[in-house]
Each structure stands twice: as structure tokens, then as C-alpha cells.
């Protein structure tokens, strides 16, 4: 299954609560260097994130991430 979305990273993100995922999710971020870095940081605040791959160009960056549910403290 493929989903696509556009994220506006021009403002500070709202604080988000961790969400449980039923399975790992692969996400591809694509855009300007700053925008990709900001969205990556927002995802890292909610999920455990592993960078699977990345490509950088002159003006743009692509990052492939694997998201999993963040373990809860016992």
C-alpha cells in the first residue's frame, strides 16, 4: 500500500503523542535540505526512526526512513 502526503514544515510542529504502529512503516521524505531535516526531527520525536538510505542533490534531499513504535518505559 502506498500513501502520499504533503507536510508544511514552515512553522514549529505541535507536540504529538506517540502512536502505536502494527508493523514497521517505510517513509520516503523528499524536498529541500532544511524541510527534510525538520520533518525527520518531528518523526523522531514520536517514533523510533532508522535511516535506511538517503540521497542529496544540489537543492534537494531524499531520505528513506523506517518507523517503528517507540518502546514505552516500564
C-alpha atoms as a PDB file:
ATOM      1  CA  UNK A   1       0.000   0.000   0.000  1.00  0.00           C
ATOM      2  CA  UNK A   2       1.283   3.468  -0.844  1.00  0.00           C
ATOM      3  CA  UNK A   3       0.163   6.701   0.775  1.00  0.00           C
ATOM      4  CA  UNK A   4       1.335  10.169  -0.146  1.00  0.00           C
ATOM      5  CA  UNK A   5       1.133  13.425   1.798  1.00  0.00           C
ATOM      6  CA  UNK A   6       2.490  16.941   1.759  1.00  0.00           C
ATOM      7  CA  UNK A   7       3.769  18.373   5.033  1.00  0.00           C
ATOM      8  CA  UNK A   8       4.070  22.093   5.760  1.00  0.00           C
ATOM      9  CA  UNK A   9       7.245  22.498   7.812  1.00  0.00           C
ATOM     10  CA  UNK A  10       7.291  26.306   7.730  1.00  0.00           C
ATOM     11  CA  UNK A  11       6.044  26.556  11.327  1.00  0.00           C
ATOM     12  CA  UNK A  12       7.130  24.865  14.531  1.00  0.00           C
ATOM     13  CA  UNK A  13       5.417  21.449  14.798  1.00  0.00           C
ATOM     14  CA  UNK A  14       2.855  20.792  17.518  1.00  0.00           C
ATOM     15  CA  UNK A  15       3.840  18.301  20.180  1.00  0.00           C
ATOM     16  CA  UNK A  16       2.482  14.874  19.266  1.00  0.00           C
ATOM     17  CA  UNK A  17       1.793  11.824  21.396  1.00  0.00           C
ATOM     18  CA  UNK A  18       3.449   8.539  20.393  1.00  0.00           C
ATOM     19  CA  UNK A  19       1.217   6.320  18.259  1.00  0.00           C
ATOM     20  CA  UNK A  20       1.386   2.528  18.152  1.00  0.00           C
ATOM     21  CA  UNK A  21       2.109   1.017  14.741  1.00  0.00           C
ATOM     22  CA  UNK A  22       1.012  -2.548  13.996  1.00  0.00           C
ATOM     23  CA  UNK A  23       4.107  -3.048  11.808  1.00  0.00           C
ATOM     24  CA  UNK A  24       7.167  -1.048  10.725  1.00  0.00           C
ATOM     25  CA  UNK A  25       6.422   1.697   8.196  1.00  0.00           C
ATOM     26  CA  UNK A  26       8.802   2.843   5.478  1.00  0.00           C
ATOM     27  CA  UNK A  27       8.676   6.575   4.759  1.00  0.00           C
ATOM     28  CA  UNK A  28      10.395   8.494   1.975  1.00  0.00           C
ATOM     29  CA  UNK A  29      10.933  12.205   2.639  1.00  0.00           C
ATOM     30  CA  UNK A  30      11.726  14.414  -0.331  1.00  0.00           C
ATOM     31  CA  UNK A  31      12.286  18.152  -0.501  1.00  0.00           C
ATOM     32  CA  UNK A  32      14.712  20.873   0.453  1.00  0.00           C
ATOM     33  CA  UNK A  33      17.538  20.038   2.869  1.00  0.00           C
ATOM     34  CA  UNK A  34      16.017  22.070   5.714  1.00  0.00           C
ATOM     35  CA  UNK A  35      12.471  20.741   5.181  1.00  0.00           C
ATOM     36  CA  UNK A  36      13.568  17.093   5.177  1.00  0.00           C
ATOM     37  CA  UNK A  37      15.672  17.623   8.310  1.00  0.00           C
ATOM     38  CA  UNK A  38      12.779  19.315  10.120  1.00  0.00           C
ATOM     39  CA  UNK A  39      10.265  16.587   9.240  1.00  0.00           C
ATOM     40  CA  UNK A  40      12.814  13.894  10.179  1.00  0.00           C
ATOM     41  CA  UNK A  41      13.207  15.547  13.610  1.00  0.00           C
ATOM     42  CA  UNK A  42       9.417  15.698  14.094  1.00  0.00           C
ATOM     43  CA  UNK A  43       9.048  11.994  13.258  1.00  0.00           C
ATOM     44  CA  UNK A  44      11.917  11.140  15.616  1.00  0.00           C
ATOM     45  CA  UNK A  45      10.045  12.827  18.469  1.00  0.00           C
ATOM     46  CA  UNK A  46       7.160  10.350  18.056  1.00  0.00           C
ATOM     47  CA  UNK A  47       8.635   7.119  16.634  1.00  0.00           C
ATOM     48  CA  UNK A  48      11.847   5.132  16.744  1.00  0.00           C
ATOM     49  CA  UNK A  49      13.419   6.063  13.413  1.00  0.00           C
ATOM     50  CA  UNK A  50      16.117   4.225  11.482  1.00  0.00           C
ATOM     51  CA  UNK A  51      17.553   5.890   8.396  1.00  0.00           C
ATOM     52  CA  UNK A  52      17.578   3.270   5.643  1.00  0.00           C
ATOM     53  CA  UNK A  53      19.025   5.424   2.868  1.00  0.00           C
ATOM     54  CA  UNK A  54      19.458   8.958   1.620  1.00  0.00           C
ATOM     55  CA  UNK A  55      20.369  10.886  -1.487  1.00  0.00           C
ATOM     56  CA  UNK A  56      21.332  14.527  -1.628  1.00  0.00           C
ATOM     57  CA  UNK A  57      21.333  16.788  -4.639  1.00  0.00           C
ATOM     58  CA  UNK A  58      22.192  20.412  -5.173  1.00  0.00           C
ATOM     59  CA  UNK A  59      18.944  21.814  -3.773  1.00  0.00           C
ATOM     60  CA  UNK A  60      17.036  18.758  -2.654  1.00  0.00           C
ATOM     61  CA  UNK A  61      17.334  15.762  -0.365  1.00  0.00           C
ATOM     62  CA  UNK A  62      15.607  12.402  -0.198  1.00  0.00           C
ATOM     63  CA  UNK A  63      15.657  10.249   2.920  1.00  0.00           C
ATOM     64  CA  UNK A  64      14.162   6.807   3.363  1.00  0.00           C
ATOM     65  CA  UNK A  65      13.235   6.021   6.963  1.00  0.00           C
ATOM     66  CA  UNK A  66      11.869   3.027   8.833  1.00  0.00           C
ATOM     67  CA  UNK A  67       9.452   3.943  11.629  1.00  0.00           C
ATOM     68  CA  UNK A  68       8.558   1.628  14.485  1.00  0.00           C
ATOM     69  CA  UNK A  69       6.604   2.182  17.670  1.00  0.00           C
ATOM     70  CA  UNK A  70       8.785   3.711  20.336  1.00  0.00           C
ATOM     71  CA  UNK A  71       9.188   1.364  23.315  1.00  0.00           C
ATOM     72  CA  UNK A  72       7.433   2.557  26.452  1.00  0.00           C
ATOM     73  CA  UNK A  73       9.226   2.879  29.758  1.00  0.00           C
ATOM     74  CA  UNK A  74       8.370   0.056  32.138  1.00  0.00           C
END
